[in-house]
């Protein structure tokens, strides 16, 4: 079952892999972005720096240029989408780096910063609190 919100192009979860670096772990809908676009989103989804807190979260936005020739999405304003990221960092002794680090990202062609800032915070928090996270589970919060 495909579930879409008309004001969101795609959702992504980005993780920090110690061997491969930043990478998109999941996206919904799948195959909406090209491999190059996924790499760009991954690089922009983590903050430039984090505080010294062991557990923290940050919510911010970025703008990403799509490779229109390979993307199935229709970007506006010279092939750009806006990304809204909810990044979390938690102390994790099982991780070689010592921290669990991921970001929940919403990509949209609309720049309604306050709306999307709050939306990515709510959805990202719900996604990361779930023991078995699923995009459909989080999207069901907004089923109308």
N, C-alpha and C. Protein backbone atom coordinates (compact mmCIF):
# COMPACT_ATOMS: atom_id res chain seq x y z
N UNK A 1 0.83 -1.18 0.00
CA UNK A 1 0.00 0.00 0.00
C UNK A 1 0.88 1.25 0.00
N UNK A 2 0.63 2.12 -0.95
CA UNK A 2 1.38 3.36 -0.98
C UNK A 2 0.55 4.45 -0.33
N UNK A 3 1.18 5.17 0.56
CA UNK A 3 0.52 6.25 1.28
C UNK A 3 1.33 7.51 1.04
N UNK A 4 0.72 8.54 0.50
CA UNK A 4 1.44 9.77 0.17
C UNK A 4 0.76 10.97 0.81
N UNK A 5 1.58 11.93 1.17
CA UNK A 5 1.09 13.23 1.59
C UNK A 5 1.38 14.18 0.43
N UNK A 6 0.39 14.92 -0.04
CA UNK A 6 0.58 15.72 -1.24
C UNK A 6 1.60 16.85 -1.09
N UNK A 7 1.94 17.21 0.13
CA UNK A 7 2.86 18.31 0.36
C UNK A 7 4.24 17.85 0.77
N UNK A 8 4.51 16.54 0.60
CA UNK A 8 5.83 15.97 0.87
C UNK A 8 6.24 15.15 -0.34
N UNK A 9 7.45 15.35 -0.83
CA UNK A 9 7.95 14.59 -1.97
C UNK A 9 8.48 13.23 -1.54
N UNK A 10 9.30 13.21 -0.50
CA UNK A 10 9.85 11.95 -0.01
C UNK A 10 10.34 12.09 1.42
N UNK A 11 10.44 10.97 2.11
CA UNK A 11 11.00 10.88 3.45
C UNK A 11 12.27 10.04 3.37
N UNK A 12 13.25 10.36 4.19
CA UNK A 12 14.49 9.58 4.23
C UNK A 12 14.94 9.42 5.68
N UNK A 13 15.66 8.33 5.92
CA UNK A 13 16.38 8.15 7.18
C UNK A 13 17.84 8.01 6.81
N UNK A 14 18.68 8.87 7.38
CA UNK A 14 20.11 8.90 7.07
C UNK A 14 20.86 8.43 8.31
N UNK A 15 21.86 7.58 8.09
CA UNK A 15 22.67 7.11 9.21
C UNK A 15 24.14 7.35 8.93
N UNK A 16 24.92 7.35 10.00
CA UNK A 16 26.37 7.45 9.88
C UNK A 16 26.94 6.05 10.01
N UNK A 17 27.46 5.52 8.91
CA UNK A 17 28.10 4.22 8.88
C UNK A 17 29.60 4.46 9.01
N UNK A 18 30.24 3.80 9.96
CA UNK A 18 31.65 4.06 10.22
C UNK A 18 32.56 3.71 9.04
N UNK A 19 32.16 2.77 8.23
CA UNK A 19 32.99 2.37 7.10
C UNK A 19 32.65 3.11 5.82
N UNK A 20 31.37 3.44 5.63
CA UNK A 20 30.94 4.06 4.37
C UNK A 20 30.60 5.54 4.50
N UNK A 21 30.53 6.05 5.71
CA UNK A 21 30.18 7.46 5.91
C UNK A 21 28.68 7.65 5.98
N UNK A 22 28.22 8.86 5.66
CA UNK A 22 26.79 9.15 5.69
C UNK A 22 26.10 8.46 4.52
N UNK A 23 24.96 7.84 4.83
CA UNK A 23 24.22 7.15 3.77
C UNK A 23 22.73 7.13 4.10
N UNK A 24 21.92 7.14 3.05
CA UNK A 24 20.47 7.02 3.24
C UNK A 24 20.16 5.55 3.50
N UNK A 25 19.63 5.29 4.67
CA UNK A 25 19.30 3.94 5.08
C UNK A 25 17.97 3.49 4.48
N UNK A 26 16.99 4.41 4.46
CA UNK A 26 15.66 4.13 3.93
C UNK A 26 15.11 5.38 3.28
N UNK A 27 14.26 5.19 2.29
CA UNK A 27 13.54 6.31 1.71
C UNK A 27 12.14 5.84 1.34
N UNK A 28 11.20 6.78 1.37
CA UNK A 28 9.83 6.46 1.03
C UNK A 28 9.22 7.63 0.28
N UNK A 29 8.66 7.45 -0.87
CA UNK A 29 8.61 6.19 -1.59
C UNK A 29 10.00 5.80 -2.12
N UNK A 30 10.21 4.50 -2.23
CA UNK A 30 11.50 4.01 -2.71
C UNK A 30 11.71 4.42 -4.16
N UNK A 31 12.94 4.61 -4.52
CA UNK A 31 13.35 4.95 -5.89
C UNK A 31 12.84 6.30 -6.37
N UNK A 32 12.44 7.17 -5.46
CA UNK A 32 12.01 8.51 -5.87
C UNK A 32 13.21 9.39 -6.21
N UNK A 33 14.36 9.08 -5.61
CA UNK A 33 15.58 9.86 -5.85
C UNK A 33 16.66 8.99 -6.49
N UNK A 34 17.47 9.62 -7.31
CA UNK A 34 18.60 8.92 -7.91
C UNK A 34 19.67 8.67 -6.85
N UNK A 35 20.62 7.81 -7.17
CA UNK A 35 21.72 7.51 -6.24
C UNK A 35 22.50 8.78 -5.90
N UNK A 36 22.73 9.63 -6.90
CA UNK A 36 23.44 10.88 -6.67
C UNK A 36 22.66 11.82 -5.75
N UNK A 37 21.36 11.88 -5.96
CA UNK A 37 20.51 12.73 -5.11
C UNK A 37 20.50 12.21 -3.67
N UNK A 38 20.44 10.88 -3.50
CA UNK A 38 20.48 10.31 -2.16
C UNK A 38 21.79 10.65 -1.46
N UNK A 39 22.90 10.63 -2.19
CA UNK A 39 24.19 10.99 -1.59
C UNK A 39 24.19 12.46 -1.16
N UNK A 40 23.61 13.34 -1.98
CA UNK A 40 23.54 14.76 -1.64
C UNK A 40 22.70 14.97 -0.39
N UNK A 41 21.55 14.31 -0.32
CA UNK A 41 20.68 14.42 0.85
C UNK A 41 21.40 13.93 2.09
N UNK A 42 22.10 12.81 1.97
CA UNK A 42 22.83 12.26 3.12
C UNK A 42 23.87 13.26 3.64
N UNK A 43 24.59 13.89 2.76
CA UNK A 43 25.64 14.82 3.17
C UNK A 43 25.09 16.08 3.84
N UNK A 44 23.86 16.44 3.52
CA UNK A 44 23.27 17.66 4.07
C UNK A 44 22.41 17.41 5.31
N UNK A 45 22.14 16.16 5.63
CA UNK A 45 21.17 15.81 6.67
C UNK A 45 21.71 15.86 8.10
N UNK A 46 23.01 15.89 8.26
CA UNK A 46 23.61 15.96 9.59
C UNK A 46 24.08 17.38 9.84
N UNK A 47 24.04 17.84 11.09
CA UNK A 47 24.49 19.21 11.38
C UNK A 47 26.00 19.35 11.21
N UNK A 48 26.44 20.58 10.99
CA UNK A 48 27.87 20.86 10.86
C UNK A 48 28.63 20.49 12.12
N UNK A 49 28.03 20.74 13.26
CA UNK A 49 28.66 20.38 14.53
C UNK A 49 27.57 20.06 15.54
N UNK A 50 27.97 19.32 16.55
CA UNK A 50 27.04 18.99 17.62
C UNK A 50 27.62 19.47 18.93
N UNK A 51 26.76 19.64 19.90
CA UNK A 51 27.22 20.06 21.22
C UNK A 51 27.94 18.94 21.93
N UNK A 52 28.34 19.19 23.12
CA UNK A 52 29.05 18.18 23.88
C UNK A 52 28.11 17.26 24.66
N UNK A 53 26.81 17.48 24.52
CA UNK A 53 25.84 16.63 25.21
C UNK A 53 25.92 15.21 24.67
N UNK A 54 25.75 14.25 25.54
CA UNK A 54 25.77 12.86 25.10
C UNK A 54 24.53 12.53 24.27
N UNK A 55 23.39 12.99 24.71
CA UNK A 55 22.15 12.77 23.98
C UNK A 55 21.63 14.13 23.54
N UNK A 56 21.40 14.24 22.26
CA UNK A 56 20.88 15.52 21.78
C UNK A 56 20.12 15.31 20.49
N UNK A 57 19.34 16.31 20.15
CA UNK A 57 18.66 16.33 18.85
C UNK A 57 18.71 17.74 18.32
N UNK A 58 18.72 17.85 17.00
CA UNK A 58 18.70 19.14 16.34
C UNK A 58 17.74 19.05 15.17
N UNK A 59 17.02 20.12 14.91
CA UNK A 59 16.13 20.19 13.77
C UNK A 59 16.52 21.41 12.97
N UNK A 60 16.73 21.21 11.67
CA UNK A 60 17.20 22.30 10.81
C UNK A 60 16.76 22.03 9.38
N UNK A 61 17.03 22.97 8.47
CA UNK A 61 16.65 22.77 7.07
C UNK A 61 17.85 23.01 6.17
N UNK A 62 17.72 22.53 4.94
CA UNK A 62 18.74 22.73 3.91
C UNK A 62 18.04 22.73 2.55
N UNK A 63 18.78 23.09 1.54
CA UNK A 63 18.25 23.07 0.17
C UNK A 63 19.16 22.17 -0.65
N UNK A 64 18.56 21.31 -1.45
CA UNK A 64 19.34 20.35 -2.23
C UNK A 64 18.97 20.49 -3.71
N UNK A 65 19.99 20.47 -4.55
CA UNK A 65 19.78 20.50 -6.00
C UNK A 65 19.65 19.07 -6.50
N UNK A 66 18.59 18.80 -7.25
CA UNK A 66 18.38 17.47 -7.79
C UNK A 66 19.03 17.31 -9.15
N UNK A 67 19.42 16.09 -9.45
CA UNK A 67 19.88 15.73 -10.78
C UNK A 67 18.62 15.39 -11.57
N UNK A 68 18.06 16.36 -12.25
CA UNK A 68 16.76 16.21 -12.91
C UNK A 68 16.73 15.07 -13.92
N UNK A 69 17.85 14.78 -14.56
CA UNK A 69 17.86 13.74 -15.58
C UNK A 69 17.60 12.37 -14.98
N UNK A 70 17.93 12.17 -13.70
CA UNK A 70 17.82 10.85 -13.08
C UNK A 70 16.78 10.78 -11.98
N UNK A 71 16.12 11.88 -11.68
CA UNK A 71 15.16 11.90 -10.58
C UNK A 71 13.74 11.79 -11.11
N UNK A 72 12.90 11.07 -10.36
CA UNK A 72 11.49 10.96 -10.74
C UNK A 72 10.67 12.09 -10.12
N UNK A 73 11.28 12.90 -9.25
CA UNK A 73 10.58 14.01 -8.61
C UNK A 73 10.66 15.25 -9.47
N UNK A 74 9.68 16.08 -9.35
CA UNK A 74 9.65 17.35 -10.07
C UNK A 74 9.95 18.48 -9.10
N UNK A 75 11.17 18.97 -9.12
CA UNK A 75 11.55 20.07 -8.24
C UNK A 75 11.17 21.39 -8.89
N UNK A 76 11.05 22.40 -8.06
CA UNK A 76 10.77 23.74 -8.57
C UNK A 76 11.96 24.64 -8.27
N UNK A 77 11.89 25.86 -8.70
CA UNK A 77 12.92 26.84 -8.40
C UNK A 77 14.31 26.33 -8.76
N UNK A 78 14.49 26.09 -10.05
CA UNK A 78 15.79 25.66 -10.58
C UNK A 78 16.25 24.33 -10.01
N UNK A 79 15.36 23.36 -9.96
CA UNK A 79 15.69 21.99 -9.59
C UNK A 79 16.08 21.81 -8.12
N UNK A 80 15.50 22.57 -7.24
CA UNK A 80 15.81 22.46 -5.82
C UNK A 80 14.62 21.89 -5.05
N UNK A 81 14.94 21.16 -3.99
CA UNK A 81 13.97 20.77 -2.98
C UNK A 81 14.48 21.27 -1.64
N UNK A 82 13.56 21.48 -0.72
CA UNK A 82 13.93 21.86 0.64
C UNK A 82 13.92 20.61 1.50
N UNK A 83 14.95 20.45 2.30
CA UNK A 83 15.05 19.33 3.21
C UNK A 83 14.94 19.82 4.64
N UNK A 84 14.14 19.13 5.42
CA UNK A 84 13.99 19.44 6.83
C UNK A 84 14.43 18.20 7.60
N UNK A 85 15.42 18.36 8.46
CA UNK A 85 16.08 17.23 9.10
C UNK A 85 15.91 17.27 10.62
N UNK A 86 15.57 16.12 11.18
CA UNK A 86 15.55 15.95 12.64
C UNK A 86 16.66 14.95 12.96
N UNK A 87 17.76 15.44 13.48
CA UNK A 87 18.96 14.66 13.77
C UNK A 87 18.97 14.27 15.24
N UNK A 88 19.32 13.02 15.52
CA UNK A 88 19.47 12.59 16.91
C UNK A 88 20.83 11.94 17.11
N UNK A 89 21.34 12.13 18.31
CA UNK A 89 22.58 11.50 18.74
C UNK A 89 22.37 10.98 20.15
N UNK A 90 22.63 9.69 20.33
CA UNK A 90 22.46 9.07 21.64
C UNK A 90 23.71 8.27 21.97
N UNK A 91 24.08 8.27 23.22
CA UNK A 91 25.20 7.45 23.69
C UNK A 91 24.85 5.99 23.45
N UNK A 92 25.79 5.25 22.84
CA UNK A 92 25.55 3.84 22.53
C UNK A 92 26.87 3.07 22.65
N UNK A 93 27.07 2.39 23.77
CA UNK A 93 28.34 1.67 23.97
C UNK A 93 28.55 0.54 22.97
N UNK A 94 27.49 0.04 22.33
CA UNK A 94 27.65 -1.04 21.36
C UNK A 94 28.19 -0.54 20.02
N UNK A 95 28.16 0.76 19.80
CA UNK A 95 28.66 1.36 18.56
C UNK A 95 30.14 1.69 18.73
N UNK A 96 30.95 1.38 17.73
CA UNK A 96 32.39 1.62 17.81
C UNK A 96 32.71 3.10 18.04
N UNK A 97 31.90 3.97 17.52
CA UNK A 97 32.12 5.40 17.71
C UNK A 97 31.58 5.88 19.06
N UNK A 98 30.72 5.08 19.67
CA UNK A 98 30.18 5.43 20.97
C UNK A 98 28.83 6.12 20.94
N UNK A 99 28.32 6.40 19.72
CA UNK A 99 27.05 7.10 19.58
C UNK A 99 26.21 6.50 18.46
N UNK A 100 24.90 6.53 18.67
CA UNK A 100 23.91 6.23 17.65
C UNK A 100 23.57 7.58 17.01
N UNK A 101 23.72 7.70 15.70
CA UNK A 101 23.47 8.97 15.02
C UNK A 101 22.65 8.72 13.76
N UNK A 102 21.47 9.35 13.71
CA UNK A 102 20.61 9.25 12.55
C UNK A 102 19.84 10.55 12.36
N UNK A 103 19.28 10.70 11.16
CA UNK A 103 18.45 11.86 10.85
C UNK A 103 17.21 11.39 10.10
N UNK A 104 16.07 11.94 10.46
CA UNK A 104 14.81 11.74 9.75
C UNK A 104 14.61 12.99 8.89
N UNK A 105 14.40 12.81 7.59
CA UNK A 105 14.39 13.95 6.66
C UNK A 105 13.10 13.96 5.86
N UNK A 106 12.53 15.15 5.72
CA UNK A 106 11.40 15.38 4.82
C UNK A 106 11.91 16.25 3.68
N UNK A 107 11.64 15.84 2.45
CA UNK A 107 11.98 16.64 1.27
C UNK A 107 10.68 17.15 0.64
N UNK A 108 10.66 18.43 0.34
CA UNK A 108 9.46 19.06 -0.20
C UNK A 108 9.85 20.19 -1.14
N UNK A 109 8.94 20.56 -2.02
CA UNK A 109 9.19 21.70 -2.89
C UNK A 109 8.71 23.01 -2.26
N UNK A 110 8.08 22.91 -1.11
CA UNK A 110 7.54 24.09 -0.43
C UNK A 110 8.44 24.53 0.72
N UNK A 111 8.57 25.83 0.88
CA UNK A 111 9.38 26.37 1.97
C UNK A 111 8.47 27.04 3.00
N UNK A 112 7.78 26.22 3.75
CA UNK A 112 6.99 26.70 4.88
C UNK A 112 7.76 26.28 6.12
N UNK A 113 8.76 27.07 6.46
CA UNK A 113 9.76 26.63 7.44
C UNK A 113 9.18 26.26 8.80
N UNK A 114 8.29 27.04 9.34
CA UNK A 114 7.75 26.74 10.66
C UNK A 114 6.93 25.44 10.63
N UNK A 115 6.11 25.30 9.61
CA UNK A 115 5.29 24.09 9.47
C UNK A 115 6.17 22.85 9.37
N UNK A 116 7.12 22.84 8.43
CA UNK A 116 7.95 21.66 8.23
C UNK A 116 8.92 21.42 9.38
N UNK A 117 9.38 22.48 10.01
CA UNK A 117 10.26 22.33 11.18
C UNK A 117 9.53 21.54 12.27
N UNK A 118 8.29 21.93 12.53
CA UNK A 118 7.48 21.23 13.54
C UNK A 118 7.11 19.82 13.08
N UNK A 119 6.77 19.68 11.81
CA UNK A 119 6.38 18.37 11.27
C UNK A 119 7.53 17.37 11.35
N UNK A 120 8.73 17.76 10.94
CA UNK A 120 9.86 16.82 10.98
C UNK A 120 10.24 16.49 12.41
N UNK A 121 10.07 17.43 13.33
CA UNK A 121 10.34 17.15 14.74
C UNK A 121 9.36 16.09 15.27
N UNK A 122 8.07 16.26 14.98
CA UNK A 122 7.05 15.32 15.45
C UNK A 122 7.25 13.94 14.81
N UNK A 123 7.39 13.91 13.49
CA UNK A 123 7.53 12.64 12.78
C UNK A 123 8.85 11.96 13.11
N UNK A 124 9.94 12.72 13.17
CA UNK A 124 11.24 12.15 13.50
C UNK A 124 11.26 11.58 14.90
N UNK A 125 10.69 12.31 15.84
CA UNK A 125 10.62 11.82 17.22
C UNK A 125 9.82 10.53 17.30
N UNK A 126 8.68 10.48 16.61
CA UNK A 126 7.85 9.26 16.61
C UNK A 126 8.59 8.10 15.95
N UNK A 127 9.29 8.38 14.87
CA UNK A 127 10.03 7.33 14.16
C UNK A 127 11.13 6.74 15.05
N UNK A 128 11.90 7.59 15.71
CA UNK A 128 13.02 7.11 16.51
C UNK A 128 12.60 6.51 17.85
N UNK A 129 11.40 6.82 18.33
CA UNK A 129 10.91 6.22 19.57
C UNK A 129 10.37 4.82 19.35
N UNK A 130 10.02 4.50 18.13
CA UNK A 130 9.44 3.18 17.82
C UNK A 130 10.53 2.11 17.86
N UNK A 131 10.19 0.96 18.40
CA UNK A 131 11.15 -0.15 18.43
C UNK A 131 11.30 -0.79 17.06
N UNK A 132 10.27 -0.73 16.25
CA UNK A 132 10.32 -1.26 14.89
C UNK A 132 9.79 -0.17 13.96
N UNK A 133 10.62 0.84 13.68
CA UNK A 133 10.11 1.99 12.94
C UNK A 133 9.72 1.66 11.50
N UNK A 134 8.66 2.28 11.07
CA UNK A 134 8.19 2.13 9.71
C UNK A 134 7.63 3.47 9.26
N UNK A 135 7.89 3.80 8.01
CA UNK A 135 7.36 5.06 7.48
C UNK A 135 5.85 5.05 7.51
N UNK A 136 5.24 3.92 7.16
CA UNK A 136 3.79 3.87 7.14
C UNK A 136 3.20 4.07 8.52
N UNK A 137 3.88 3.58 9.53
CA UNK A 137 3.41 3.77 10.91
C UNK A 137 3.42 5.25 11.27
N UNK A 138 4.49 5.94 10.90
CA UNK A 138 4.59 7.37 11.18
C UNK A 138 3.60 8.15 10.31
N UNK A 139 3.47 7.76 9.05
CA UNK A 139 2.53 8.45 8.16
C UNK A 139 1.09 8.28 8.62
N UNK A 140 0.80 7.18 9.28
CA UNK A 140 -0.57 6.95 9.74
C UNK A 140 -1.00 7.98 10.78
N UNK A 141 -0.03 8.65 11.41
CA UNK A 141 -0.38 9.74 12.33
C UNK A 141 -1.11 10.86 11.62
N UNK A 142 -0.90 10.96 10.30
CA UNK A 142 -1.44 12.07 9.53
C UNK A 142 -2.52 11.63 8.55
N UNK A 143 -3.03 10.43 8.73
CA UNK A 143 -4.08 9.94 7.84
C UNK A 143 -5.37 10.70 8.13
N UNK A 144 -5.94 11.19 7.09
CA UNK A 144 -7.20 11.94 7.24
C UNK A 144 -8.25 11.44 6.28
